[in-house]
Amino acid sequence: MFEADNIRDWRGRDVIDPDGGKIGQLEAIYVSTADDLPAFATVRVGIIGRHRLAFVPLQDATVGPGYVRVRSSKRLVKDAPSIETDGELEATTEPAVFEHYGLAYTPGASGERRLARR
């Protein structure tokens, strides 16, 4: 995993799948509330006038000049839970984001959320 020091610099970079196919542009990073490390990104997908932000896990992602390569396929990301371009991730939707990618979801000990936008 990579450090979260310069995650704001990642905004606007292309997000690509394992085969090098462009998924969209990185909009925001969501960190794990447990360790403050990058956990998910939102990627701007869709057609002009109907964009949305799809969630993609950053586990084992690599950062290169101008891109972030994720392990998930373009198709899987485009079918992922999403929010409007000016929306926020609702607490009730958070488990579905993890489930879509087959990741375990466990809220914090006091029921707190797992993701925080940076």
Protein backbone atom coordinates (compact mmCIF):
# COMPACT_ATOMS: atom_id res chain seq x y z
CA MET A 1 0.00 0.00 0.00
CA PHE A 2 1.12 3.58 -0.49
CA GLU A 3 1.25 6.42 1.98
CA ALA A 4 -1.49 9.02 2.11
CA ASP A 5 0.86 12.04 2.18
CA ASN A 6 0.07 13.40 -1.29
CA ILE A 7 -3.40 12.01 -1.96
CA ARG A 8 -4.76 15.43 -2.90
CA ASP A 9 -2.29 15.41 -5.80
CA TRP A 10 -4.03 12.31 -7.19
CA ARG A 11 -7.24 14.19 -7.98
CA GLY A 12 -7.83 14.41 -11.71
CA ARG A 13 -5.45 11.55 -12.54
CA ASP A 14 -6.69 8.81 -14.82
CA VAL A 15 -7.78 5.65 -13.07
CA ILE A 16 -6.92 2.60 -15.15
CA ASP A 17 -7.75 -1.09 -14.82
CA PRO A 18 -5.21 -3.96 -14.79
CA ASP A 19 -5.22 -4.07 -18.61
CA GLY A 20 -4.51 -0.34 -18.91
CA GLY A 21 -8.07 0.60 -19.89
CA LYS A 22 -9.13 4.03 -18.67
CA ILE A 23 -12.01 3.83 -16.20
CA GLY A 24 -12.33 7.56 -15.56
CA GLN A 25 -10.77 10.38 -13.57
CA LEU A 26 -10.06 10.19 -9.86
CA GLU A 27 -12.32 12.58 -7.98
CA ALA A 28 -11.71 11.87 -4.27
CA ILE A 29 -9.98 9.52 -1.86
CA TYR A 30 -11.72 7.82 1.04
CA VAL A 31 -9.46 6.67 3.86
CA SER A 32 -10.06 3.95 6.42
CA THR A 33 -11.12 5.45 9.72
CA ALA A 34 -9.17 2.66 11.47
CA ASP A 35 -5.70 3.59 10.14
CA ASP A 36 -6.15 6.74 7.97
CA LEU A 37 -4.76 4.96 4.90
CA PRO A 38 -6.35 5.23 1.43
CA ALA A 39 -9.07 2.58 1.10
CA PHE A 40 -11.33 3.66 -1.79
CA ALA A 41 -11.41 6.28 -4.51
CA THR A 42 -14.31 7.77 -6.37
CA VAL A 43 -13.93 7.76 -10.14
CA ARG A 44 -15.87 10.05 -12.45
CA VAL A 45 -17.67 7.75 -14.89
CA GLY A 46 -20.57 8.04 -17.32
CA ILE A 47 -21.38 10.10 -20.36
CA ILE A 48 -21.37 13.87 -20.68
CA GLY A 49 -24.26 15.33 -18.76
CA ARG A 50 -24.79 12.11 -16.78
CA HIS A 51 -21.59 11.67 -14.81
CA ARG A 52 -21.53 9.96 -11.43
CA LEU A 53 -18.82 8.95 -8.97
CA ALA A 54 -18.23 5.20 -8.68
CA PHE A 55 -16.29 3.69 -5.79
CA VAL A 56 -13.21 1.54 -6.39
CA PRO A 57 -10.93 -0.08 -3.78
CA LEU A 58 -7.33 1.08 -3.63
CA GLN A 59 -5.95 -2.14 -2.17
CA ASP A 60 -2.81 -3.03 -4.15
CA ALA A 61 -3.24 0.02 -6.41
CA THR A 62 -0.15 1.59 -7.93
CA VAL A 63 0.45 5.25 -8.62
CA GLY A 64 2.32 6.35 -11.71
CA PRO A 65 2.89 9.60 -13.53
CA GLY A 66 -0.61 10.78 -14.37
CA TYR A 67 -2.47 7.61 -13.39
CA VAL A 68 -3.61 5.32 -10.60
CA ARG A 69 -3.85 1.64 -11.60
CA VAL A 70 -6.43 -0.37 -9.63
CA ARG A 71 -6.96 -4.14 -9.46
CA SER A 72 -10.62 -3.97 -10.46
CA SER A 73 -11.85 -4.24 -14.05
CA LYS A 74 -13.45 -1.31 -15.79
CA ARG A 75 -16.77 -3.18 -15.95
CA LEU A 76 -16.76 -3.99 -12.22
CA VAL A 77 -16.10 -0.35 -11.33
CA LYS A 78 -18.81 0.96 -13.65
CA ASP A 79 -21.32 -1.39 -11.97
CA ALA A 80 -20.19 -0.35 -8.47
CA PRO A 81 -22.25 1.69 -6.01
CA SER A 82 -21.99 5.36 -6.87
CA ILE A 83 -23.02 8.83 -5.79
CA GLU A 84 -23.93 11.98 -7.68
CA THR A 85 -21.00 14.23 -8.59
CA ASP A 86 -22.03 16.61 -5.81
CA GLY A 87 -23.22 13.85 -3.47
CA GLU A 88 -21.91 12.23 -0.32
CA LEU A 89 -21.54 8.60 0.69
CA GLU A 90 -24.46 7.78 2.98
CA ALA A 91 -23.73 5.64 6.04
CA THR A 92 -26.39 3.16 4.89
CA THR A 93 -24.67 2.73 1.50
CA GLU A 94 -21.20 2.15 2.89
CA PRO A 95 -21.60 -1.65 3.42
CA ALA A 96 -22.76 -2.07 -0.20
CA VAL A 97 -19.53 -0.51 -1.47
CA PHE A 98 -17.49 -3.17 0.33
CA GLU A 99 -19.88 -5.98 -0.62
CA HIS A 100 -19.74 -5.12 -4.34
CA TYR A 101 -16.01 -5.94 -4.33
CA GLY A 102 -16.31 -8.97 -2.04
CA LEU A 103 -14.63 -7.16 0.85
CA ALA A 104 -15.60 -7.68 4.46
CA TYR A 105 -17.37 -4.77 6.10
CA THR A 106 -17.17 -4.30 9.85
CA PRO A 107 -18.17 -0.99 11.43
CA GLY A 108 -16.06 0.38 14.25
CA ALA A 109 -16.52 -0.86 17.81
CA SER A 110 -19.03 1.91 18.52
CA GLY A 111 -20.73 1.55 15.15
CA GLU A 112 -18.72 4.33 13.50
CA ARG A 113 -18.23 4.46 9.76
CA ARG A 114 -15.29 2.82 8.03
CA LEU A 115 -14.64 5.47 5.36
CA ALA A 116 -13.87 9.18 5.52
CA ARG A 117 -13.37 11.47 2.51
CA ARG A 118 -10.07 13.31 2.20
